[in-house]
Every structure is written in C-alpha cells, then in structure tokens.
PDB file of all heavy atoms in Angstrom:
ATOM      1  N   LEU A   1     101.654 -43.637  19.502  1.00  0.00           N
ATOM      2  CA  LEU A   1     100.404 -44.228  18.897  1.00  0.00           C
ATOM      3  C   LEU A   1     100.714 -45.566  18.337  1.00  0.00           C
ATOM      4  O   LEU A   1      99.983 -46.544  18.480  1.00  0.00           O
ATOM      5  CB  LEU A   1      99.850 -43.291  17.956  1.00  0.00           C
ATOM      6  CG  LEU A   1      98.420 -43.754  17.420  1.00  0.00           C
ATOM      7  CD1 LEU A   1      97.391 -43.889  18.469  1.00  0.00           C
ATOM      8  CD2 LEU A   1      97.927 -42.737  16.418  1.00  0.00           C
ATOM      9  N   GLY A   2     101.725 -45.574  17.598  1.00  0.00           N
ATOM     10  CA  GLY A   2     102.115 -46.932  16.882  1.00  0.00           C
ATOM     11  C   GLY A   2     102.563 -47.987  17.942  1.00  0.00           C
ATOM     12  O   GLY A   2     102.027 -49.061  17.666  1.00  0.00           O
ATOM     13  N   LEU A   3     103.325 -47.542  18.953  1.00  0.00           N
ATOM     14  CA  LEU A   3     103.648 -48.580  20.075  1.00  0.00           C
ATOM     15  C   LEU A   3     102.347 -49.049  20.745  1.00  0.00           C
ATOM     16  O   LEU A   3     102.164 -50.193  21.048  1.00  0.00           O
ATOM     17  CB  LEU A   3     104.599 -47.966  20.946  1.00  0.00           C
ATOM     18  CG  LEU A   3     105.985 -47.738  20.414  1.00  0.00           C
ATOM     19  CD1 LEU A   3     106.843 -46.882  21.521  1.00  0.00           C
ATOM     20  CD2 LEU A   3     106.682 -49.062  20.243  1.00  0.00           C
ATOM     21  N   LEU A   4     101.473 -48.066  20.873  1.00  0.00           N
ATOM     22  CA  LEU A   4     100.208 -48.381  21.635  1.00  0.00           C
ATOM     23  C   LEU A   4      99.312 -49.369  20.875  1.00  0.00           C
ATOM     24  O   LEU A   4      98.805 -50.352  21.378  1.00  0.00           O
ATOM     25  CB  LEU A   4      99.427 -47.116  21.945  1.00  0.00           C
ATOM     26  CG  LEU A   4      98.221 -47.272  22.688  1.00  0.00           C
ATOM     27  CD1 LEU A   4      98.400 -47.801  24.199  1.00  0.00           C
ATOM     28  CD2 LEU A   4      97.346 -45.844  22.821  1.00  0.00           C
ATOM     29  N   LEU A   5      99.167 -48.964  19.520  1.00  0.00           N
ATOM     30  CA  LEU A   5      98.372 -49.917  18.891  1.00  0.00           C
ATOM     31  C   LEU A   5      98.973 -51.304  18.538  1.00  0.00           C
ATOM     32  O   LEU A   5      98.363 -52.367  18.605  1.00  0.00           O
ATOM     33  CB  LEU A   5      98.196 -49.249  17.442  1.00  0.00           C
ATOM     34  CG  LEU A   5      97.261 -47.940  17.369  1.00  0.00           C
ATOM     35  CD1 LEU A   5      97.265 -47.377  15.889  1.00  0.00           C
ATOM     36  CD2 LEU A   5      95.866 -48.434  17.881  1.00  0.00           C
ATOM     37  N   GLY A   6     100.348 -51.289  18.340  1.00  0.00           N
ATOM     38  CA  GLY A   6     101.024 -52.533  18.328  1.00  0.00           C
ATOM     39  C   GLY A   6     100.905 -53.449  19.624  1.00  0.00           C
ATOM     40  O   GLY A   6     100.661 -54.543  19.526  1.00  0.00           O
ATOM     41  N   GLY A   7     101.025 -52.758  20.732  1.00  0.00           N
ATOM     42  CA  GLY A   7     100.952 -53.386  22.039  1.00  0.00           C
ATOM     43  C   GLY A   7      99.542 -54.006  22.197  1.00  0.00           C
ATOM     44  O   GLY A   7      99.443 -55.088  22.682  1.00  0.00           O
ATOM     45  N   CYS A   8      98.550 -53.108  21.845  1.00  0.00           N
ATOM     46  CA  CYS A   8      97.172 -53.532  21.993  1.00  0.00           C
ATOM     47  C   CYS A   8      96.903 -54.765  21.072  1.00  0.00           C
ATOM     48  O   CYS A   8      96.240 -55.725  21.425  1.00  0.00           O
ATOM     49  CB  CYS A   8      96.264 -52.497  21.662  1.00  0.00           C
ATOM     50  SG  CYS A   8      96.134 -51.212  22.810  1.00  0.00           S
ATOM     51  N   LYS A   9      97.321 -54.670  19.880  1.00  0.00           N
ATOM     52  CA  LYS A   9      97.069 -55.848  18.942  1.00  0.00           C
ATOM     53  C   LYS A   9      97.659 -57.108  19.480  1.00  0.00           C
ATOM     54  O   LYS A   9      96.947 -58.119  19.398  1.00  0.00           O
ATOM     55  CB  LYS A   9      97.752 -55.408  17.573  1.00  0.00           C
ATOM     56  CG  LYS A   9      97.386 -56.487  16.599  1.00  0.00           C
ATOM     57  CD  LYS A   9      97.879 -56.020  15.192  1.00  0.00           C
ATOM     58  CE  LYS A   9      97.498 -56.901  13.914  1.00  0.00           C
ATOM     59  NZ  LYS A   9      97.963 -58.381  14.248  1.00  0.00           N
ATOM     60  N   LYS A  10      98.850 -57.059  19.993  1.00  0.00           N
ATOM     61  CA  LYS A  10      99.423 -58.265  20.577  1.00  0.00           C
ATOM     62  C   LYS A  10      98.692 -58.737  21.798  1.00  0.00           C
ATOM     63  O   LYS A  10      98.441 -59.902  21.935  1.00  0.00           O
ATOM     64  CB  LYS A  10     100.945 -57.948  20.795  1.00  0.00           C
ATOM     65  CG  LYS A  10     101.754 -59.174  21.295  1.00  0.00           C
ATOM     66  CD  LYS A  10     103.171 -58.742  21.425  1.00  0.00           C
ATOM     67  CE  LYS A  10     103.896 -59.975  21.965  1.00  0.00           C
ATOM     68  NZ  LYS A  10     105.406 -59.721  22.170  1.00  0.00           N
ATOM     69  N   TYR A  11      98.384 -57.768  22.577  1.00  0.00           N
ATOM     70  CA  TYR A  11      97.638 -58.024  23.908  1.00  0.00           C
ATOM     71  C   TYR A  11      96.392 -58.637  23.675  1.00  0.00           C
ATOM     72  O   TYR A  11      95.884 -59.608  24.255  1.00  0.00           O
ATOM     73  CB  TYR A  11      97.567 -56.864  24.703  1.00  0.00           C
ATOM     74  CG  TYR A  11      96.943 -57.135  26.052  1.00  0.00           C
ATOM     75  CD1 TYR A  11      97.683 -57.779  27.098  1.00  0.00           C
ATOM     76  CD2 TYR A  11      95.592 -56.690  26.330  1.00  0.00           C
ATOM     77  CE1 TYR A  11      97.039 -58.045  28.330  1.00  0.00           C
ATOM     78  CE2 TYR A  11      94.994 -56.991  27.446  1.00  0.00           C
ATOM     79  CZ  TYR A  11      95.662 -57.612  28.453  1.00  0.00           C
ATOM     80  OH  TYR A  11      95.000 -57.837  29.653  1.00  0.00           O
ATOM     81  N   LEU A  12      95.526 -58.223  22.777  1.00  0.00           N
ATOM     82  CA  LEU A  12      94.154 -58.445  22.487  1.00  0.00           C
ATOM     83  C   LEU A  12      93.951 -59.650  21.507  1.00  0.00           C
ATOM     84  O   LEU A  12      92.867 -60.197  21.417  1.00  0.00           O
ATOM     85  CB  LEU A  12      93.389 -57.380  21.897  1.00  0.00           C
ATOM     86  CG  LEU A  12      93.215 -56.085  22.881  1.00  0.00           C
ATOM     87  CD1 LEU A  12      92.585 -55.037  22.202  1.00  0.00           C
ATOM     88  CD2 LEU A  12      92.505 -56.532  24.022  1.00  0.00           C
ATOM     89  N   ASP A  13      95.050 -60.122  20.928  1.00  0.00           N
ATOM     90  CA  ASP A  13      94.977 -61.359  20.031  1.00  0.00           C
ATOM     91  C   ASP A  13      94.504 -62.518  20.841  1.00  0.00           C
ATOM     92  O   ASP A  13      95.040 -62.776  21.924  1.00  0.00           O
ATOM     93  CB  ASP A  13      96.372 -61.605  19.380  1.00  0.00           C
ATOM     94  CG  ASP A  13      96.587 -60.703  18.091  1.00  0.00           C
ATOM     95  OD1 ASP A  13      95.639 -59.982  17.739  1.00  0.00           O
ATOM     96  OD2 ASP A  13      97.705 -60.633  17.622  1.00  0.00           O
ATOM     97  N   LYS A  14      93.539 -63.269  20.360  1.00  0.00           N
ATOM     98  CA  LYS A  14      93.014 -64.347  21.073  1.00  0.00           C
ATOM     99  C   LYS A  14      93.845 -65.592  20.792  1.00  0.00           C
ATOM    100  O   LYS A  14      94.091 -65.897  19.665  1.00  0.00           O
ATOM    101  CB  LYS A  14      91.540 -64.619  20.813  1.00  0.00           C
ATOM    102  CG  LYS A  14      90.871 -65.550  21.552  1.00  0.00           C
ATOM    103  CD  LYS A  14      89.396 -65.650  21.329  1.00  0.00           C
ATOM    104  CE  LYS A  14      88.945 -65.731  19.915  1.00  0.00           C
ATOM    105  NZ  LYS A  14      87.431 -65.793  19.584  1.00  0.00           N
ATOM    106  N   ALA A  15      94.186 -66.293  21.851  1.00  0.00           N
ATOM    107  CA  ALA A  15      94.873 -67.551  21.676  1.00  0.00           C
ATOM    108  C   ALA A  15      94.044 -68.603  21.067  1.00  0.00           C
ATOM    109  O   ALA A  15      92.783 -68.671  21.269  1.00  0.00           O
ATOM    110  CB  ALA A  15      95.377 -68.036  23.013  1.00  0.00           C
ATOM    111  N   PRO A  16      94.560 -69.415  20.182  1.00  0.00           N
ATOM    112  CA  PRO A  16      93.713 -70.444  19.355  1.00  0.00           C
ATOM    113  C   PRO A  16      92.999 -71.248  20.318  1.00  0.00           C
ATOM    114  O   PRO A  16      91.898 -71.630  20.145  1.00  0.00           O
ATOM    115  CB  PRO A  16      94.868 -71.132  18.542  1.00  0.00           C
ATOM    116  CG  PRO A  16      95.989 -70.156  18.344  1.00  0.00           C
ATOM    117  CD  PRO A  16      96.034 -69.425  19.594  1.00  0.00           C
ATOM    118  N   GLU A  17      93.761 -71.668  21.491  1.00  0.00           N
ATOM    119  CA  GLU A  17      93.055 -72.557  22.398  1.00  0.00           C
ATOM    120  C   GLU A  17      91.926 -71.982  23.182  1.00  0.00           C
ATOM    121  O   GLU A  17      91.149 -72.672  23.899  1.00  0.00           O
ATOM    122  CB  GLU A  17      94.079 -73.162  23.475  1.00  0.00           C
ATOM    123  CG  GLU A  17      94.836 -72.106  24.227  1.00  0.00           C
ATOM    124  CD  GLU A  17      96.000 -71.566  23.679  1.00  0.00           C
ATOM    125  OE1 GLU A  17      96.277 -71.672  22.455  1.00  0.00           O
ATOM    126  OE2 GLU A  17      96.792 -71.042  24.334  1.00  0.00           O
ATOM    127  N   ALA A  18      91.730 -70.682  23.083  1.00  0.00           N
ATOM    128  CA  ALA A  18      90.584 -70.054  23.729  1.00  0.00           C
ATOM    129  C   ALA A  18      89.287 -70.067  23.068  1.00  0.00           C
ATOM    130  O   ALA A  18      88.192 -69.907  23.669  1.00  0.00           O
ATOM    131  CB  ALA A  18      90.872 -68.467  24.044  1.00  0.00           C
ATOM    132  N   THR A  19      89.352 -70.506  21.796  1.00  0.00           N
ATOM    133  CA  THR A  19      88.092 -70.676  21.004  1.00  0.00           C
ATOM    134  C   THR A  19      87.582 -71.984  21.279  1.00  0.00           C
ATOM    135  O   THR A  19      88.271 -73.021  21.022  1.00  0.00           O
ATOM    136  CB  THR A  19      88.512 -70.425  19.485  1.00  0.00           C
ATOM    137  OG1 THR A  19      88.985 -69.173  19.362  1.00  0.00           O
ATOM    138  CG2 THR A  19      87.186 -70.560  18.750  1.00  0.00           C
ATOM    139  N   VAL A  20      86.281 -72.076  21.778  1.00  0.00           N
ATOM    140  CA  VAL A  20      85.630 -73.386  21.871  1.00  0.00           C
ATOM    141  C   VAL A  20      84.510 -73.461  20.910  1.00  0.00           C
ATOM    142  O   VAL A  20      83.616 -72.742  20.890  1.00  0.00           O
ATOM    143  CB  VAL A  20      85.051 -73.484  23.276  1.00  0.00           C
ATOM    144  CG1 VAL A  20      84.348 -74.899  23.495  1.00  0.00           C
ATOM    145  CG2 VAL A  20      86.204 -73.335  24.294  1.00  0.00           C
ATOM    146  N   ASN A  21      84.722 -74.440  19.938  1.00  0.00           N
ATOM    147  CA  ASN A  21      83.600 -74.585  18.920  1.00  0.00           C
ATOM    148  C   ASN A  21      82.619 -75.657  19.353  1.00  0.00           C
ATOM    149  O   ASN A  21      82.914 -76.310  20.400  1.00  0.00           O
ATOM    150  CB  ASN A  21      84.220 -74.860  17.575  1.00  0.00           C
ATOM    151  CG  ASN A  21      85.043 -76.186  17.479  1.00  0.00           C
ATOM    152  OD1 ASN A  21      84.721 -77.206  18.229  1.00  0.00           O
ATOM    153  ND2 ASN A  21      86.160 -76.126  16.933  1.00  0.00           N
ATOM    154  N   GLU A  22      81.656 -75.763  18.675  1.00  0.00           N
ATOM    155  CA  GLU A  22      80.444 -76.669  19.055  1.00  0.00           C
ATOM    156  C   GLU A  22      80.962 -78.095  19.036  1.00  0.00           C
ATOM    157  O   GLU A  22      80.590 -78.907  19.944  1.00  0.00           O
ATOM    158  CB  GLU A  22      79.255 -76.524  18.134  1.00  0.00           C
ATOM    159  CG  GLU A  22      78.576 -75.199  18.404  1.00  0.00           C
ATOM    160  CD  GLU A  22      77.240 -75.018  17.455  1.00  0.00           C
ATOM    161  OE1 GLU A  22      77.181 -75.941  16.499  1.00  0.00           O
ATOM    162  OE2 GLU A  22      76.513 -74.108  17.702  1.00  0.00           O
ATOM    163  N   LYS A  23      81.877 -78.458  18.123  1.00  0.00           N
ATOM    164  CA  LYS A  23      82.274 -79.769  17.884  1.00  0.00           C
ATOM    165  C   LYS A  23      82.983 -80.218  19.253  1.00  0.00           C
ATOM    166  O   LYS A  23      82.888 -81.298  19.743  1.00  0.00           O
ATOM    167  CB  LYS A  23      83.198 -80.016  16.698  1.00  0.00           C
ATOM    168  CG  LYS A  23      83.571 -81.320  16.444  1.00  0.00           C
ATOM    169  CD  LYS A  23      84.419 -81.490  15.089  1.00  0.00           C
ATOM    170  CE  LYS A  23      84.722 -82.747  14.775  1.00  0.00           C
ATOM    171  NZ  LYS A  23      85.481 -82.880  13.575  1.00  0.00           N
ATOM    172  N   ASP A  24      83.814 -79.275  19.773  1.00  0.00           N
ATOM    173  CA  ASP A  24      84.564 -79.560  20.943  1.00  0.00           C
ATOM    174  C   ASP A  24      83.747 -79.644  22.172  1.00  0.00           C
ATOM    175  O   ASP A  24      83.856 -80.403  23.072  1.00  0.00           O
ATOM    176  CB  ASP A  24      85.797 -78.535  21.169  1.00  0.00           C
ATOM    177  CG  ASP A  24      86.892 -78.677  20.021  1.00  0.00           C
ATOM    178  OD1 ASP A  24      86.990 -79.779  19.598  1.00  0.00           O
ATOM    179  OD2 ASP A  24      87.496 -77.644  19.753  1.00  0.00           O
ATOM    180  N   ALA A  25      82.713 -78.601  22.314  1.00  0.00           N
ATOM    181  CA  ALA A  25      81.940 -78.394  23.486  1.00  0.00           C
ATOM    182  C   ALA A  25      81.042 -79.732  23.637  1.00  0.00           C
ATOM    183  O   ALA A  25      80.783 -79.994  24.742  1.00  0.00           O
ATOM    184  CB  ALA A  25      81.130 -77.162  23.296  1.00  0.00           C
ATOM    185  N   PHE A  26      80.510 -80.325  22.583  1.00  0.00           N
ATOM    186  CA  PHE A  26      79.630 -81.448  22.791  1.00  0.00           C
ATOM    187  C   PHE A  26      80.188 -82.771  22.402  1.00  0.00           C
ATOM    188  O   PHE A  26      79.469 -83.697  22.266  1.00  0.00           O
ATOM    189  CB  PHE A  26      78.454 -81.130  21.881  1.00  0.00           C
ATOM    190  CG  PHE A  26      77.765 -79.768  22.266  1.00  0.00           C
ATOM    191  CD1 PHE A  26      77.685 -78.821  21.348  1.00  0.00           C
ATOM    192  CD2 PHE A  26      77.070 -79.576  23.410  1.00  0.00           C
ATOM    193  CE1 PHE A  26      77.121 -77.524  21.528  1.00  0.00           C
ATOM    194  CE2 PHE A  26      76.445 -78.372  23.730  1.00  0.00           C
ATOM    195  CZ  PHE A  26      76.457 -77.431  22.816  1.00  0.00           C
ATOM    196  N   LYS A  27      81.489 -82.874  22.342  1.00  0.00           N
ATOM    197  CA  LYS A  27      82.115 -84.172  21.720  1.00  0.00           C
ATOM    198  C   LYS A  27      82.031 -85.300  22.657  1.00  0.00           C
ATOM    199  O   LYS A  27      82.109 -86.484  22.323  1.00  0.00           O
ATOM    200  CB  LYS A  27      83.496 -83.970  21.146  1.00  0.00           C
ATOM    201  CG  LYS A  27      84.501 -83.593  22.406  1.00  0.00           C
ATOM    202  CD  LYS A  27      85.882 -83.426  21.795  1.00  0.00           C
ATOM    203  CE  LYS A  27      86.916 -83.051  22.920  1.00  0.00           C
ATOM    204  NZ  LYS A  27      88.300 -82.653  22.387  1.00  0.00           N
ATOM    205  N   ASP A  28      82.120 -85.038  23.870  1.00  0.00           N
ATOM    206  CA  ASP A  28      82.243 -86.190  24.931  1.00  0.00           C
ATOM    207  C   ASP A  28      81.287 -85.848  26.165  1.00  0.00           C
ATOM    208  O   ASP A  28      80.780 -84.753  26.341  1.00  0.00           O
ATOM    209  CB  ASP A  28      83.604 -86.426  25.413  1.00  0.00           C
ATOM    210  CG  ASP A  28      84.436 -85.332  25.954  1.00  0.00           C
ATOM    211  OD1 ASP A  28      83.656 -84.520  26.730  1.00  0.00           O
ATOM    212  OD2 ASP A  28      85.632 -85.134  25.821  1.00  0.00           O
ATOM    213  N   PHE A  29      81.106 -86.896  27.034  1.00  0.00           N
ATOM    214  CA  PHE A  29      80.233 -86.810  28.113  1.00  0.00           C
ATOM    215  C   PHE A  29      80.642 -85.654  29.146  1.00  0.00           C
ATOM    216  O   PHE A  29      79.729 -84.908  29.627  1.00  0.00           O
ATOM    217  CB  PHE A  29      80.045 -88.098  28.860  1.00  0.00           C
ATOM    218  CG  PHE A  29      79.188 -88.021  29.937  1.00  0.00           C
ATOM    219  CD1 PHE A  29      77.862 -88.114  29.901  1.00  0.00           C
ATOM    220  CD2 PHE A  29      79.673 -88.023  31.243  1.00  0.00           C
ATOM    221  CE1 PHE A  29      76.946 -87.994  31.095  1.00  0.00           C
ATOM    222  CE2 PHE A  29      78.944 -87.959  32.441  1.00  0.00           C
ATOM    223  CZ  PHE A  29      77.604 -88.012  32.209  1.00  0.00           C
ATOM    224  N   ARG A  30      81.908 -85.593  29.342  1.00  0.00           N
ATOM    225  CA  ARG A  30      82.363 -84.640  30.467  1.00  0.00           C
ATOM    226  C   ARG A  30      81.970 -83.196  29.968  1.00  0.00           C
ATOM    227  O   ARG A  30      81.583 -82.358  30.713  1.00  0.00           O
ATOM    228  CB  ARG A  30      83.789 -84.847  30.654  1.00  0.00           C
ATOM    229  CG  ARG A  30      84.425 -83.941  31.731  1.00  0.00           C
ATOM    230  CD  ARG A  30      85.960 -84.187  31.830  1.00  0.00           C
ATOM    231  NE  ARG A  30      86.542 -83.124  32.708  1.00  0.00           N
ATOM    232  CZ  ARG A  30      86.617 -83.372  33.980  1.00  0.00           C
ATOM    233  NH1 ARG A  30      86.068 -84.311  34.717  1.00  0.00           N
ATOM    234  NH2 ARG A  30      87.159 -82.309  34.801  1.00  0.00           N
ATOM    235  N   SER A  31      82.396 -82.904  28.744  1.00  0.00           N
ATOM    236  CA  SER A  31      82.246 -81.550  28.320  1.00  0.00           C
ATOM    237  C   SER A  31      80.729 -81.217  28.071  1.00  0.00           C
ATOM    238  O   SER A  31      80.179 -80.142  28.416  1.00  0.00           O
ATOM    239  CB  SER A  31      82.915 -81.274  26.923  1.00  0.00           C
ATOM    240  OG  SER A  31      82.557 -82.199  26.001  1.00  0.00           O
ATOM    241  N   PHE A  32      79.957 -82.223  27.586  1.00  0.00           N
ATOM    242  CA  PHE A  32      78.468 -81.907  27.508  1.00  0.00           C
ATOM    243  C   PHE A  32      77.692 -81.868  28.686  1.00  0.00           C
ATOM    244  O   PHE A  32      76.834 -81.176  28.885  1.00  0.00           O
ATOM    245  CB  PHE A  32      77.830 -83.167  26.536  1.00  0.00           C
ATOM    246  CG  PHE A  32      76.746 -82.689  25.690  1.00  0.00           C
ATOM    247  CD1 PHE A  32      76.596 -83.228  24.419  1.00  0.00           C
ATOM    248  CD2 PHE A  32      75.723 -81.871  26.200  1.00  0.00           C
ATOM    249  CE1 PHE A  32      75.607 -82.854  23.443  1.00  0.00           C
ATOM    250  CE2 PHE A  32      74.624 -81.505  25.262  1.00  0.00           C
ATOM    251  CZ  PHE A  32      74.613 -82.031  24.040  1.00  0.00           C
ATOM    252  N   GLN A  33      78.286 -82.740  29.693  1.00  0.00           N
ATOM    253  CA  GLN A  33      77.528 -82.583  31.063  1.00  0.00           C
ATOM    254  C   GLN A  33      77.967 -81.328  31.685  1.00  0.00           C
ATOM    255  O   GLN A  33      77.084 -80.647  32.412  1.00  0.00           O
ATOM    256  CB  GLN A  33      78.070 -83.727  31.835  1.00  0.00           C
ATOM    257  CG  GLN A  33      77.566 -83.796  33.310  1.00  0.00           C
ATOM    258  CD  GLN A  33      75.931 -83.850  33.327  1.00  0.00           C
ATOM    259  OE1 GLN A  33      75.373 -84.489  32.488  1.00  0.00           O
ATOM    260  NE2 GLN A  33      75.283 -83.486  34.217  1.00  0.00           N
ATOM    261  N   GLY A  34      79.234 -80.772  31.496  1.00  0.00           N
ATOM    262  CA  GLY A  34      79.530 -79.372  31.909  1.00  0.00           C
ATOM    263  C   GLY A  34      78.559 -78.330  31.314  1.00  0.00           C
ATOM    264  O   GLY A  34      78.123 -77.477  31.969  1.00  0.00           O
ATOM    265  N   PHE A  35      78.227 -78.490  30.001  1.00  0.00           N
ATOM    266  CA  PHE A  35      77.226 -77.536  29.514  1.00  0.00           C
ATOM    267  C   PHE A  35      75.924 -77.767  30.121  1.00  0.00           C
ATOM    268  O   PHE A  35      75.107 -76.728  30.254  1.00  0.00           O
ATOM    269  CB  PHE A  35      77.098 -77.866  27.920  1.00  0.00           C
ATOM    270  CG  PHE A  35      76.001 -77.198  27.231  1.00  0.00           C
ATOM    271  CD1 PHE A  35      76.114 -75.925  26.759  1.00  0.00           C
ATOM    272  CD2 PHE A  35      74.762 -77.939  27.054  1.00  0.00           C
ATOM    273  CE1 PHE A  35      75.041 -75.303  26.127  1.00  0.00           C
ATOM    274  CE2 PHE A  35      73.664 -77.339  26.392  1.00  0.00           C
ATOM    275  CZ  PHE A  35      73.865 -75.982  25.959  1.00  0.00           C
ATOM    276  N   THR A  36      75.411 -78.925  30.426  1.00  0.00           N
ATOM    277  CA  THR A  36      74.107 -79.291  30.959  1.00  0.00           C
ATOM    278  C   THR A  36      74.004 -78.729  32.400  1.00  0.00           C
ATOM    279  O   THR A  36      72.946 -78.441  32.914  1.00  0.00           O
ATOM    280  CB  THR A  36      73.796 -80.761  30.930  1.00  0.00           C
ATOM    281  OG1 THR A  36      73.992 -81.266  29.404  1.00  0.00           O
ATOM    282  CG2 THR A  36      72.420 -81.118  31.156  1.00  0.00           C
ATOM    283  N   GLU A  37      75.206 -78.848  33.189  1.00  0.00           N
ATOM    284  CA  GLU A  37      75.189 -78.593  34.526  1.00  0.00           C
ATOM    285  C   GLU A  37      74.524 -77.114  34.916  1.00  0.00           C
ATOM    286  O   GLU A  37      73.853 -76.973  35.970  1.00  0.00           O
ATOM    287  CB  GLU A  37      76.551 -78.600  35.149  1.00  0.00           C
ATOM    288  CG  GLU A  37      77.138 -79.870  35.382  1.00  0.00           C
ATOM    289  CD  GLU A  37      76.542 -80.725  36.397  1.00  0.00           C
ATOM    290  OE1 GLU A  37      76.130 -80.217  37.453  1.00  0.00           O
ATOM    291  OE2 GLU A  37      76.433 -81.959  36.318  1.00  0.00           O
ATOM    292  N   GLU A  38      74.635 -76.147  34.000  1.00  0.00           N
ATOM    293  CA  GLU A  38      74.089 -74.791  34.317  1.00  0.00           C
ATOM    294  C   GLU A  38      72.670 -74.909  34.600  1.00  0.00           C
ATOM    295  O   GLU A  38      71.951 -73.982  35.239  1.00  0.00           O
ATOM    296  CB  GLU A  38      74.495 -73.880  33.186  1.00  0.00           C
ATOM    297  CG  GLU A  38      74.252 -72.393  33.696  1.00  0.00           C
ATOM    298  CD  GLU A  38      74.502 -71.470  32.620  1.00  0.00           C
ATOM    299  OE1 GLU A  38      74.542 -71.828  31.481  1.00  0.00           O
ATOM    300  OE2 GLU A  38      74.702 -70.237  32.825  1.00  0.00           O
ATOM    301  N   LEU A  39      71.916 -75.852  33.959  1.00  0.00           N
ATOM    302  CA  LEU A  39      70.516 -75.871  33.954  1.00  0.00           C
ATOM    303  C   LEU A  39      70.006 -76.127  35.481  1.00  0.00           C
ATOM    304  O   LEU A  39      68.923 -75.782  35.841  1.00  0.00           O
ATOM    305  CB  LEU A  39      69.858 -76.995  33.226  1.00  0.00           C
ATOM    306  CG  LEU A  39      70.081 -76.746  31.664  1.00  0.00           C
ATOM    307  CD1 LEU A  39      69.804 -78.001  30.811  1.00  0.00           C
ATOM    308  CD2 LEU A  39      69.037 -75.634  31.200  1.00  0.00           C
ATOM    309  N   TYR A  40      70.868 -76.675  36.237  1.00  0.00           N
ATOM    310  CA  TYR A  40      70.490 -77.032  37.707  1.00  0.00           C
ATOM    311  C   TYR A  40      70.491 -75.669  38.421  1.00  0.00           C
ATOM    312  O   TYR A  40      69.713 -75.478  39.386  1.00  0.00           O
ATOM    313  CB  TYR A  40      71.412 -77.970  38.329  1.00  0.00           C
ATOM    314  CG  TYR A  40      71.298 -79.426  37.827  1.00  0.00           C
ATOM    315  CD1 TYR A  40      71.944 -79.922  36.839  1.00  0.00           C
ATOM    316  CD2 TYR A  40      70.575 -80.270  38.721  1.00  0.00           C
ATOM    317  CE1 TYR A  40      71.832 -81.196  36.328  1.00  0.00           C
ATOM    318  CE2 TYR A  40      70.534 -81.595  38.151  1.00  0.00           C
ATOM    319  CZ  TYR A  40      71.144 -82.053  37.083  1.00  0.00           C
ATOM    320  OH  TYR A  40      70.915 -83.418  36.659  1.00  0.00           O
ATOM    321  N   SER A  41      71.358 -74.762  37.954  1.00  0.00           N
ATOM    322  CA  SER A  41      71.564 -73.505  38.645  1.00  0.00           C
ATOM    323  C   SER A  41      70.328 -72.556  38.146  1.00  0.00           C
ATOM    324  O   SER A  41      70.196 -71.414  38.721  1.00  0.00           O
ATOM    325  CB  SER A  41      72.844 -72.763  38.362  1.00  0.00           C
ATOM    326  OG  SER A  41      73.857 -73.609  38.883  1.00  0.00           O
TER     327      SER A  41
END
C-alpha cells in the first residue's frame, strides 16, 4: 500500500509547465488567437 500510494503520488503530481494561467493564455496574439479559434468550431 505504501509503495502504491508513493507511486501514485509521484505519477499524479502535475508538472509546473502543465499549468496554464490566464496571464499566459492571453498574453500574446498567438495564444489569444488559439483561444478564439474554438469559436469557429
């Protein structure tokens, strides 16, 4: 159980670069346009 929980914790930890905050998502034209593109769909 200890190994399992330890392994899960390590596996499920989110990498810092996987978090996209609003400041990053809307900071430049390329990323903001990527957000806007879904509206066409």
